[in-house]
């Protein structure tokens, strides 16, 4: 489930939101009811960053294979 939090809530309930991040919750930050960012725990952030390199290499491999198939 996504937790939505607006700018006012972020300012007024920072401690609760930080505790939620510590508990593994993620938050979608809203400004004027439009999503402007995402707050995730540091652990979740590190997982995303570490996986990025793996997926980039996978994508390069898939594109290479796809190009080979096109030229057959």
Protein backbone atom coordinates (compact mmCIF):
# COMPACT_ATOMS: atom_id res chain seq x y z
CA UNK A 1 0.00 0.00 0.00
CA UNK A 2 1.27 3.46 -0.86
CA UNK A 3 1.35 6.12 1.79
CA UNK A 4 0.62 9.57 0.43
CA UNK A 5 1.87 12.57 2.34
CA UNK A 6 1.53 16.24 1.42
CA UNK A 7 4.01 19.00 2.12
CA UNK A 8 2.14 20.21 5.22
CA UNK A 9 2.06 16.70 6.70
CA UNK A 10 5.76 16.30 5.97
CA UNK A 11 6.51 19.50 7.85
CA UNK A 12 4.18 18.77 10.77
CA UNK A 13 4.71 15.01 11.13
CA UNK A 14 8.36 14.54 10.23
CA UNK A 15 9.02 12.25 13.21
CA UNK A 16 6.14 9.92 12.29
CA UNK A 17 7.26 9.77 8.66
CA UNK A 18 10.87 9.06 9.60
CA UNK A 19 9.68 6.30 11.94
CA UNK A 20 7.64 4.89 9.04
CA UNK A 21 10.75 4.89 6.86
CA UNK A 22 12.61 3.03 9.62
CA UNK A 23 9.76 0.51 9.66
CA UNK A 24 10.11 -0.06 5.91
CA UNK A 25 7.24 2.12 4.71
CA UNK A 26 7.46 4.15 1.51
CA UNK A 27 5.80 7.51 0.96
CA UNK A 28 4.67 9.40 -2.12
CA UNK A 29 5.19 13.11 -1.58
CA UNK A 30 2.39 15.30 -2.93
CA UNK A 31 2.35 18.99 -3.73
CA UNK A 32 -1.04 20.41 -4.64
CA UNK A 33 -2.31 16.80 -4.86
CA UNK A 34 0.27 15.89 -7.52
CA UNK A 35 3.11 13.42 -6.90
CA UNK A 36 6.48 15.18 -6.82
CA UNK A 37 8.72 12.61 -5.15
CA UNK A 38 9.09 9.39 -3.27
CA UNK A 39 10.53 8.84 0.19
CA UNK A 40 12.02 5.40 0.75
CA UNK A 41 14.18 3.95 3.48
CA UNK A 42 17.93 4.08 3.05
CA UNK A 43 17.96 0.28 2.80
CA UNK A 44 15.43 0.34 -0.06
CA UNK A 45 17.41 3.10 -1.77
CA UNK A 46 20.62 1.04 -1.60
CA UNK A 47 18.84 -1.98 -3.07
CA UNK A 48 17.63 0.14 -5.99
CA UNK A 49 21.08 1.58 -6.62
CA UNK A 50 22.83 -1.79 -6.42
CA UNK A 51 20.38 -3.41 -8.82
CA UNK A 52 20.64 -0.60 -11.34
CA UNK A 53 24.00 -1.77 -12.70
CA UNK A 54 22.76 -5.34 -13.07
CA UNK A 55 19.66 -4.28 -14.99
CA UNK A 56 21.58 -1.92 -17.25
CA UNK A 57 23.86 -4.77 -18.29
CA UNK A 58 20.83 -7.05 -18.79
CA UNK A 59 19.20 -4.42 -21.01
CA UNK A 60 22.36 -4.03 -23.07
CA UNK A 61 22.48 -7.79 -23.56
CA UNK A 62 18.81 -7.94 -24.56
CA UNK A 63 19.23 -5.12 -27.06
CA UNK A 64 22.29 -6.83 -28.55
CA UNK A 65 20.35 -10.10 -28.93
CA UNK A 66 17.37 -8.25 -30.42
CA UNK A 67 19.58 -6.56 -33.03
CA UNK A 68 21.06 -9.92 -33.96
CA UNK A 69 17.55 -11.30 -34.55
CA UNK A 70 16.62 -8.31 -36.69
CA UNK A 71 19.58 -8.84 -39.02
CA UNK A 72 18.84 -12.53 -39.66
